[in-house]
Amino acid sequence: MTKGHSSVETAAVQSQVATYVYSMLSSRVFLSAFFSWFVAQFIKMFIDQLRGRSQGSRDMLATLLWRTGGMPSSHSSLVTGLATTIGVLNGVKSAIFVLSLFYGGLIIRDALGVRRSAGVQARELNRIGLQLSERFDIEFHPVKEVSGHTPSEVFVGVLLGFFTGLAFSLL
């Protein structure tokens, strides 16, 4: 005799998993967070295209799906959309709202302060390293420059997330 599940049991488990995944992906909280992020990234891609920063469809796709920094802050938009929807649906006194509010505050603080400072320091290190490598003819490997956000980029991201979260909560 072999251990395991029958094909009927396996199909039932797969159906249950599919139901849970669909339920999560169609929830207002998920949709507001996802669309807050996606719309911010789309706007960022559009702005990069207008400014001539994108060098084709590959750059546009990278901006849409991955790149950080720039206008608006998708980090701020996502966490604000998440907190707004949770606050409207569960109430501002709920533990999950308080959690999402503090989580959002940390993410926004990181996008605005820590990551921005790290990016500024990395740019300066790369500038100094390049000067030294040229002057002393040594090999230099630049450090990664992390893009943080300006206060206006964060503010626009927060507004976008708030109104997206509100829309998914009330519609």
Protein backbone atom coordinates (compact mmCIF):
# COMPACT_ATOMS: atom_id res chain seq x y z
CA MET A 1 0.00 0.00 0.00
CA THR A 2 1.30 3.48 -0.84
CA LYS A 3 0.95 6.53 1.27
CA GLY A 4 -0.51 9.64 -0.25
CA HIS A 5 -3.66 11.27 -1.35
CA SER A 6 -6.13 10.05 -3.89
CA SER A 7 -6.67 12.11 -7.01
CA VAL A 8 -10.03 13.24 -5.58
CA GLU A 9 -8.35 14.54 -2.41
CA THR A 10 -5.62 16.24 -4.47
CA ALA A 11 -8.20 17.93 -6.69
CA ALA A 12 -10.11 19.11 -3.62
CA VAL A 13 -6.96 20.61 -2.09
CA GLN A 14 -6.05 22.30 -5.37
CA SER A 15 -9.55 23.72 -5.66
CA GLN A 16 -9.39 25.03 -2.09
CA VAL A 17 -5.99 26.66 -2.73
CA ALA A 18 -7.30 28.26 -5.92
CA THR A 19 -10.30 29.60 -4.00
CA TYR A 20 -8.04 31.12 -1.32
CA VAL A 21 -5.72 32.69 -3.91
CA TYR A 22 -8.66 34.12 -5.87
CA SER A 23 -10.19 35.42 -2.64
CA MET A 24 -6.96 37.21 -1.71
CA LEU A 25 -6.32 38.63 -5.20
CA SER A 26 -9.87 39.96 -5.46
CA SER A 27 -10.00 41.53 -2.00
CA ARG A 28 -10.32 45.31 -1.81
CA VAL A 29 -7.25 45.55 0.42
CA PHE A 30 -5.05 43.65 -2.05
CA LEU A 31 -6.44 45.50 -5.06
CA SER A 32 -5.99 48.94 -3.49
CA ALA A 33 -2.40 48.19 -2.48
CA PHE A 34 -1.55 46.67 -5.87
CA PHE A 35 -3.13 49.45 -7.92
CA SER A 36 -1.63 52.17 -5.71
CA TRP A 37 1.81 50.70 -6.45
CA PHE A 38 1.10 49.95 -10.12
CA VAL A 39 -0.34 53.39 -10.95
CA ALA A 40 2.62 55.09 -9.23
CA GLN A 41 5.06 52.97 -11.25
CA PHE A 42 3.10 53.68 -14.44
CA ILE A 43 3.20 57.43 -13.81
CA LYS A 44 6.93 57.15 -13.04
CA MET A 45 7.46 55.29 -16.34
CA PHE A 46 5.48 57.94 -18.21
CA ILE A 47 7.48 60.79 -16.61
CA ASP A 48 10.76 59.03 -17.43
CA GLN A 49 9.60 58.66 -21.03
CA LEU A 50 8.74 62.38 -21.25
CA ARG A 51 12.11 63.36 -19.79
CA GLY A 52 13.96 61.09 -22.22
CA ARG A 53 15.34 58.82 -19.47
CA SER A 54 13.89 55.64 -20.98
CA GLN A 55 15.85 54.12 -23.82
CA GLY A 56 13.14 51.87 -25.19
CA SER A 57 10.62 49.29 -24.12
CA ARG A 58 13.10 47.37 -21.95
CA ASP A 59 13.77 50.47 -19.81
CA MET A 60 10.06 51.21 -19.63
CA LEU A 61 9.31 47.66 -18.44
CA ALA A 62 12.12 47.84 -15.86
CA THR A 63 10.69 51.12 -14.53
CA LEU A 64 7.17 49.74 -14.47
CA LEU A 65 8.10 46.58 -12.58
CA TRP A 66 11.26 47.23 -10.63
CA ARG A 67 12.97 50.62 -10.45
CA THR A 68 12.76 52.71 -7.32
CA GLY A 69 13.07 56.44 -6.77
CA GLY A 70 11.46 59.18 -8.79
CA MET A 71 8.02 60.77 -8.99
CA PRO A 72 5.77 59.56 -7.41
CA SER A 73 6.93 57.29 -4.61
CA SER A 74 5.37 53.88 -5.20
CA HIS A 75 6.46 52.79 -1.70
CA SER A 76 4.47 55.63 -0.16
CA SER A 77 1.55 55.05 -2.49
CA LEU A 78 1.31 51.33 -1.73
CA VAL A 79 1.44 51.60 2.06
CA THR A 80 -0.95 54.57 2.11
CA GLY A 81 -3.44 52.75 -0.12
CA LEU A 82 -3.14 49.70 2.13
CA ALA A 83 -3.67 51.66 5.36
CA THR A 84 -6.52 53.72 3.90
CA THR A 85 -8.46 50.67 2.75
CA ILE A 86 -7.88 48.82 6.00
CA GLY A 87 -8.95 51.90 7.98
CA VAL A 88 -12.16 52.34 6.00
CA LEU A 89 -13.09 48.64 5.96
CA ASN A 90 -11.99 47.63 9.47
CA GLY A 91 -12.15 50.94 11.32
CA VAL A 92 -9.37 53.16 12.56
CA LYS A 93 -9.54 51.56 16.01
CA SER A 94 -8.77 48.07 14.66
CA ALA A 95 -5.42 46.50 15.45
CA ILE A 96 -4.78 45.75 11.77
CA PHE A 97 -5.23 49.43 10.88
CA VAL A 98 -2.81 50.51 13.61
CA LEU A 99 -0.33 47.92 12.33
CA SER A 100 -0.69 49.12 8.72
CA LEU A 101 -0.38 52.75 9.82
CA PHE A 102 2.90 52.19 11.67
CA TYR A 103 4.20 49.90 8.94
CA GLY A 104 3.40 52.62 6.41
CA GLY A 105 5.13 55.25 8.50
CA LEU A 106 8.30 53.16 8.63
CA ILE A 107 8.28 52.54 4.88
CA ILE A 108 7.69 56.23 4.12
CA ARG A 109 10.42 57.27 6.57
CA ASP A 110 12.81 54.82 4.93
CA ALA A 111 11.96 56.01 1.41
CA LEU A 112 12.38 59.63 2.40
CA GLY A 113 15.27 59.53 4.82
CA VAL A 114 17.45 56.46 5.03
CA ARG A 115 17.43 55.41 1.37
CA ARG A 116 17.86 58.98 0.18
CA SER A 117 20.83 59.54 2.49
CA ALA A 118 22.39 56.25 1.39
CA GLY A 119 22.00 57.30 -2.25
CA VAL A 120 23.61 60.70 -1.66
CA GLN A 121 26.52 59.06 0.17
CA ALA A 122 26.94 56.43 -2.57
CA ARG A 123 27.07 59.13 -5.28
CA GLU A 124 29.76 60.99 -3.32
CA LEU A 125 31.79 57.80 -2.76
CA ASN A 126 31.59 57.02 -6.48
CA ARG A 127 32.71 60.55 -7.36
CA ILE A 128 35.70 60.35 -5.01
CA GLY A 129 36.53 56.80 -6.12
CA LEU A 130 36.48 57.80 -9.79
CA GLN A 131 38.76 60.78 -9.13
CA LEU A 132 41.20 58.61 -7.18
CA SER A 133 41.17 55.88 -9.83
CA GLU A 134 41.94 58.39 -12.58
CA ARG A 135 44.63 60.16 -10.55
CA PHE A 136 46.45 57.04 -9.32
CA ASP A 137 45.56 54.74 -12.24
CA ILE A 138 43.85 52.15 -10.06
CA GLU A 139 40.81 50.00 -10.74
CA PHE A 140 37.61 51.30 -9.20
CA HIS A 141 34.27 49.49 -8.85
CA PRO A 142 31.44 51.92 -8.07
CA VAL A 143 28.98 51.14 -5.29
CA LYS A 144 25.27 50.89 -6.08
CA GLU A 145 23.46 54.20 -5.80
CA VAL A 146 20.09 53.63 -4.13
CA SER A 147 17.39 56.06 -5.12
CA GLY A 148 15.47 57.60 -2.28
CA HIS A 149 12.69 60.15 -2.57
CA THR A 150 12.28 63.87 -2.19
CA PRO A 151 9.50 65.15 0.07
CA SER A 152 7.37 66.10 -2.96
CA GLU A 153 7.71 62.60 -4.46
CA VAL A 154 6.61 61.08 -1.15
CA PHE A 155 3.73 63.57 -0.80
CA VAL A 156 2.38 62.79 -4.28
CA GLY A 157 2.73 59.06 -3.56
CA VAL A 158 0.79 59.44 -0.30
CA LEU A 159 -1.99 61.38 -2.08
CA LEU A 160 -2.17 58.81 -4.87
CA GLY A 161 -2.32 55.94 -2.36
CA PHE A 162 -4.94 57.67 -0.23
CA PHE A 163 -7.31 58.33 -3.12
CA THR A 164 -6.76 54.89 -4.66
CA GLY A 165 -7.42 53.24 -1.28
CA LEU A 166 -10.50 55.38 -0.78
CA ALA A 167 -11.81 54.44 -4.23
CA PHE A 168 -11.37 50.70 -3.62
CA SER A 169 -12.92 51.02 -0.16
CA LEU A 170 -16.03 52.89 -1.20
CA LEU A 171 -16.77 51.55 -4.68
